[in-house]
Amino acid sequence: MAMGGFIGSDPTLTLSQLRKYVRQGQVRYFLVYPGQVPPRFADPVLAGWVTAHCPVVKPAAFAAAFTQDALVLHDCGPAKGSS
């Protein structure tokens, strides 16, 4: 699921919907850019919520292809991201 669509301009989700999907376990993992989120890649409100509420998965735990310099994987699994 691309948050904001392919180029970030599509209103694919509201924050309320994202929180509901996380709470219900329908989505768990999110790849986001560290620091400032380029608006063309993701909705900054949604990406901000993910980065604030869901812990980072260490790159070695999921793939050597992703590093802190590129994308960061966040885990919004059970007992995480529920607030």
N, C-alpha and C. Protein backbone atom coordinates (compact mmCIF):
# COMPACT_ATOMS: atom_id res chain seq x y z
N MET A 1 0.86 -1.17 0.00
CA MET A 1 0.00 0.00 0.00
C MET A 1 0.90 1.23 0.00
N ALA A 2 0.72 2.07 -0.94
CA ALA A 2 1.48 3.31 -0.99
C ALA A 2 0.69 4.39 -0.26
N MET A 3 1.27 4.96 0.79
CA MET A 3 0.58 6.01 1.53
C MET A 3 0.68 7.30 0.73
N GLY A 4 -0.41 7.69 0.12
CA GLY A 4 -0.40 8.87 -0.73
C GLY A 4 -0.37 8.51 -2.19
N GLY A 5 -0.47 7.22 -2.49
CA GLY A 5 -0.46 6.80 -3.89
C GLY A 5 0.95 6.76 -4.45
N PHE A 6 1.05 6.60 -5.73
CA PHE A 6 2.34 6.43 -6.38
C PHE A 6 3.25 7.64 -6.22
N ILE A 7 2.71 8.85 -6.33
CA ILE A 7 3.55 10.03 -6.20
C ILE A 7 3.18 10.89 -4.99
N GLY A 8 2.38 10.37 -4.09
CA GLY A 8 2.08 11.06 -2.85
C GLY A 8 0.92 12.02 -2.90
N SER A 9 0.28 12.17 -4.04
CA SER A 9 -0.80 13.15 -4.15
C SER A 9 -2.19 12.53 -4.02
N ASP A 10 -2.28 11.22 -3.98
CA ASP A 10 -3.58 10.56 -3.85
C ASP A 10 -3.97 10.46 -2.38
N PRO A 11 -5.18 10.85 -2.03
CA PRO A 11 -5.62 10.73 -0.64
C PRO A 11 -6.06 9.29 -0.34
N THR A 12 -5.09 8.38 -0.27
CA THR A 12 -5.41 6.96 -0.12
C THR A 12 -5.95 6.60 1.25
N LEU A 13 -5.43 7.23 2.30
CA LEU A 13 -5.85 6.94 3.67
C LEU A 13 -5.94 8.21 4.48
N THR A 14 -6.80 8.19 5.45
CA THR A 14 -6.77 9.24 6.47
C THR A 14 -5.97 8.67 7.65
N LEU A 15 -5.57 9.52 8.56
CA LEU A 15 -4.87 9.05 9.74
C LEU A 15 -5.75 8.10 10.54
N SER A 16 -7.02 8.41 10.63
CA SER A 16 -7.96 7.56 11.35
C SER A 16 -8.02 6.16 10.73
N GLN A 17 -8.07 6.10 9.41
CA GLN A 17 -8.10 4.80 8.72
C GLN A 17 -6.81 4.02 8.95
N LEU A 18 -5.68 4.71 8.86
CA LEU A 18 -4.39 4.04 9.09
C LEU A 18 -4.34 3.45 10.49
N ARG A 19 -4.72 4.24 11.49
CA ARG A 19 -4.72 3.74 12.86
C ARG A 19 -5.65 2.54 13.03
N LYS A 20 -6.80 2.58 12.38
CA LYS A 20 -7.75 1.46 12.45
C LYS A 20 -7.14 0.20 11.83
N TYR A 21 -6.51 0.33 10.66
CA TYR A 21 -5.90 -0.83 10.01
C TYR A 21 -4.79 -1.43 10.87
N VAL A 22 -4.00 -0.57 11.52
CA VAL A 22 -2.94 -1.06 12.39
C VAL A 22 -3.55 -1.76 13.60
N ARG A 23 -4.52 -1.13 14.22
CA ARG A 23 -5.19 -1.69 15.41
C ARG A 23 -5.80 -3.05 15.10
N GLN A 24 -6.39 -3.19 13.92
CA GLN A 24 -7.04 -4.45 13.53
C GLN A 24 -6.06 -5.48 12.99
N GLY A 25 -4.80 -5.10 12.84
CA GLY A 25 -3.79 -6.03 12.34
C GLY A 25 -3.82 -6.22 10.83
N GLN A 26 -4.51 -5.33 10.12
CA GLN A 26 -4.59 -5.45 8.66
C GLN A 26 -3.32 -4.98 7.97
N VAL A 27 -2.60 -4.06 8.59
CA VAL A 27 -1.27 -3.66 8.12
C VAL A 27 -0.35 -3.66 9.32
N ARG A 28 0.91 -3.97 9.07
CA ARG A 28 1.86 -4.05 10.17
C ARG A 28 3.16 -3.32 9.87
N TYR A 29 3.72 -3.53 8.71
CA TYR A 29 5.03 -2.98 8.39
C TYR A 29 4.92 -1.81 7.42
N PHE A 30 5.79 -0.81 7.63
CA PHE A 30 5.83 0.36 6.76
C PHE A 30 7.27 0.70 6.44
N LEU A 31 7.56 0.95 5.19
CA LEU A 31 8.86 1.46 4.78
C LEU A 31 8.72 2.96 4.59
N VAL A 32 9.54 3.72 5.30
CA VAL A 32 9.49 5.17 5.17
C VAL A 32 10.90 5.72 5.03
N TYR A 33 11.00 6.91 4.49
CA TYR A 33 12.28 7.60 4.40
C TYR A 33 12.60 8.21 5.76
N PRO A 34 13.85 8.11 6.22
CA PRO A 34 14.19 8.70 7.51
C PRO A 34 14.17 10.23 7.46
N GLY A 35 13.98 10.84 8.61
CA GLY A 35 14.00 12.30 8.68
C GLY A 35 12.80 12.90 7.98
N GLN A 36 13.04 13.93 7.21
CA GLN A 36 11.97 14.59 6.45
C GLN A 36 11.47 13.65 5.36
N VAL A 37 10.18 13.48 5.31
CA VAL A 37 9.58 12.61 4.31
C VAL A 37 9.30 13.42 3.06
N PRO A 38 9.88 13.04 1.92
CA PRO A 38 9.54 13.78 0.70
C PRO A 38 8.06 13.63 0.40
N PRO A 39 7.29 14.72 0.30
CA PRO A 39 5.85 14.64 0.07
C PRO A 39 5.48 13.86 -1.17
N ARG A 40 6.36 13.79 -2.15
CA ARG A 40 5.99 13.07 -3.36
C ARG A 40 6.01 11.56 -3.18
N PHE A 41 6.57 11.07 -2.08
CA PHE A 41 6.64 9.63 -1.85
C PHE A 41 5.65 9.13 -0.82
N ALA A 42 5.22 9.96 0.11
CA ALA A 42 4.28 9.51 1.15
C ALA A 42 3.64 10.71 1.81
N ASP A 43 2.47 10.49 2.33
CA ASP A 43 1.79 11.53 3.08
C ASP A 43 2.59 11.78 4.36
N PRO A 44 3.08 13.00 4.58
CA PRO A 44 3.91 13.26 5.75
C PRO A 44 3.18 13.08 7.08
N VAL A 45 1.88 13.27 7.13
CA VAL A 45 1.12 13.04 8.37
C VAL A 45 1.11 11.56 8.71
N LEU A 46 0.84 10.72 7.72
CA LEU A 46 0.81 9.28 7.95
C LEU A 46 2.20 8.75 8.29
N ALA A 47 3.19 9.16 7.51
CA ALA A 47 4.56 8.71 7.77
C ALA A 47 5.04 9.20 9.13
N GLY A 48 4.64 10.41 9.52
CA GLY A 48 5.01 10.93 10.83
C GLY A 48 4.40 10.12 11.95
N TRP A 49 3.15 9.71 11.78
CA TRP A 49 2.50 8.88 12.80
C TRP A 49 3.22 7.54 12.92
N VAL A 50 3.53 6.93 11.78
CA VAL A 50 4.24 5.64 11.80
C VAL A 50 5.57 5.78 12.52
N THR A 51 6.35 6.80 12.17
CA THR A 51 7.67 6.94 12.79
C THR A 51 7.57 7.26 14.28
N ALA A 52 6.50 7.91 14.70
CA ALA A 52 6.33 8.25 16.11
C ALA A 52 5.79 7.09 16.96
N HIS A 53 5.06 6.17 16.35
CA HIS A 53 4.37 5.14 17.12
C HIS A 53 4.85 3.71 16.89
N CYS A 54 5.66 3.50 15.88
CA CYS A 54 6.06 2.13 15.55
C CYS A 54 7.58 2.02 15.53
N PRO A 55 8.12 1.08 16.29
CA PRO A 55 9.57 0.96 16.37
C PRO A 55 10.22 0.55 15.05
N VAL A 56 11.47 0.92 14.92
CA VAL A 56 12.27 0.59 13.74
C VAL A 56 12.74 -0.86 13.84
N VAL A 57 12.68 -1.56 12.72
CA VAL A 57 13.24 -2.90 12.61
C VAL A 57 14.67 -2.73 12.12
N LYS A 58 15.62 -3.34 12.81
CA LYS A 58 17.02 -3.21 12.41
C LYS A 58 17.19 -3.80 11.00
N PRO A 59 17.90 -3.08 10.13
CA PRO A 59 18.06 -3.54 8.74
C PRO A 59 18.54 -4.98 8.62
N ALA A 60 19.44 -5.40 9.48
CA ALA A 60 19.95 -6.77 9.40
C ALA A 60 18.86 -7.80 9.64
N ALA A 61 17.78 -7.39 10.31
CA ALA A 61 16.70 -8.32 10.63
C ALA A 61 15.75 -8.55 9.46
N PHE A 62 15.80 -7.70 8.43
CA PHE A 62 14.84 -7.89 7.34
C PHE A 62 15.45 -7.95 5.96
N ALA A 63 16.52 -7.27 5.69
CA ALA A 63 17.14 -7.38 4.36
C ALA A 63 18.38 -6.51 4.30
N ALA A 64 19.41 -7.04 3.70
CA ALA A 64 20.65 -6.27 3.55
C ALA A 64 20.49 -5.15 2.53
N ALA A 65 19.48 -5.25 1.69
CA ALA A 65 19.28 -4.26 0.62
C ALA A 65 18.82 -2.91 1.15
N PHE A 66 18.20 -2.88 2.32
CA PHE A 66 17.71 -1.64 2.90
C PHE A 66 18.65 -1.19 4.01
N THR A 67 18.98 0.08 4.01
CA THR A 67 19.85 0.63 5.04
C THR A 67 19.22 1.89 5.61
N GLN A 68 19.78 2.40 6.67
CA GLN A 68 19.29 3.64 7.27
C GLN A 68 19.38 4.80 6.28
N ASP A 69 20.27 4.70 5.30
CA ASP A 69 20.41 5.78 4.32
C ASP A 69 19.30 5.78 3.28
N ALA A 70 18.60 4.69 3.16
CA ALA A 70 17.57 4.59 2.12
C ALA A 70 16.18 4.59 2.75
N LEU A 71 15.68 3.45 3.09
CA LEU A 71 14.36 3.32 3.69
C LEU A 71 14.47 2.70 5.07
N VAL A 72 13.53 3.03 5.92
CA VAL A 72 13.52 2.47 7.27
C VAL A 72 12.23 1.68 7.43
N LEU A 73 12.36 0.45 7.92
CA LEU A 73 11.20 -0.41 8.15
C LEU A 73 10.71 -0.21 9.57
N HIS A 74 9.40 0.06 9.72
CA HIS A 74 8.78 0.21 11.04
C HIS A 74 7.79 -0.93 11.25
N ASP A 75 7.75 -1.45 12.47
CA ASP A 75 6.86 -2.53 12.83
C ASP A 75 5.74 -2.00 13.71
N CYS A 76 4.53 -2.00 13.19
CA CYS A 76 3.35 -1.53 13.93
C CYS A 76 2.53 -2.71 14.40
N GLY A 77 3.21 -3.79 14.75
CA GLY A 77 2.53 -5.03 15.15
C GLY A 77 1.77 -4.90 16.45
N PRO A 78 1.26 -6.02 16.94
CA PRO A 78 0.46 -6.04 18.17
C PRO A 78 1.15 -5.31 19.31
N ALA A 79 0.35 -4.54 20.04
CA ALA A 79 0.80 -3.74 21.18
C ALA A 79 1.69 -2.58 20.77
N LYS A 80 1.76 -2.32 19.46
CA LYS A 80 2.55 -1.19 18.95
C LYS A 80 1.64 -0.37 18.08
N GLY A 81 1.82 0.90 18.06
CA GLY A 81 1.07 1.77 17.16
C GLY A 81 -0.40 1.87 17.49
N SER A 82 -0.82 1.48 18.67
CA SER A 82 -2.24 1.47 18.98
C SER A 82 -2.77 2.79 19.50
N SER A 83 -1.88 3.72 19.79
CA SER A 83 -2.35 5.00 20.34
C SER A 83 -2.66 6.01 19.26
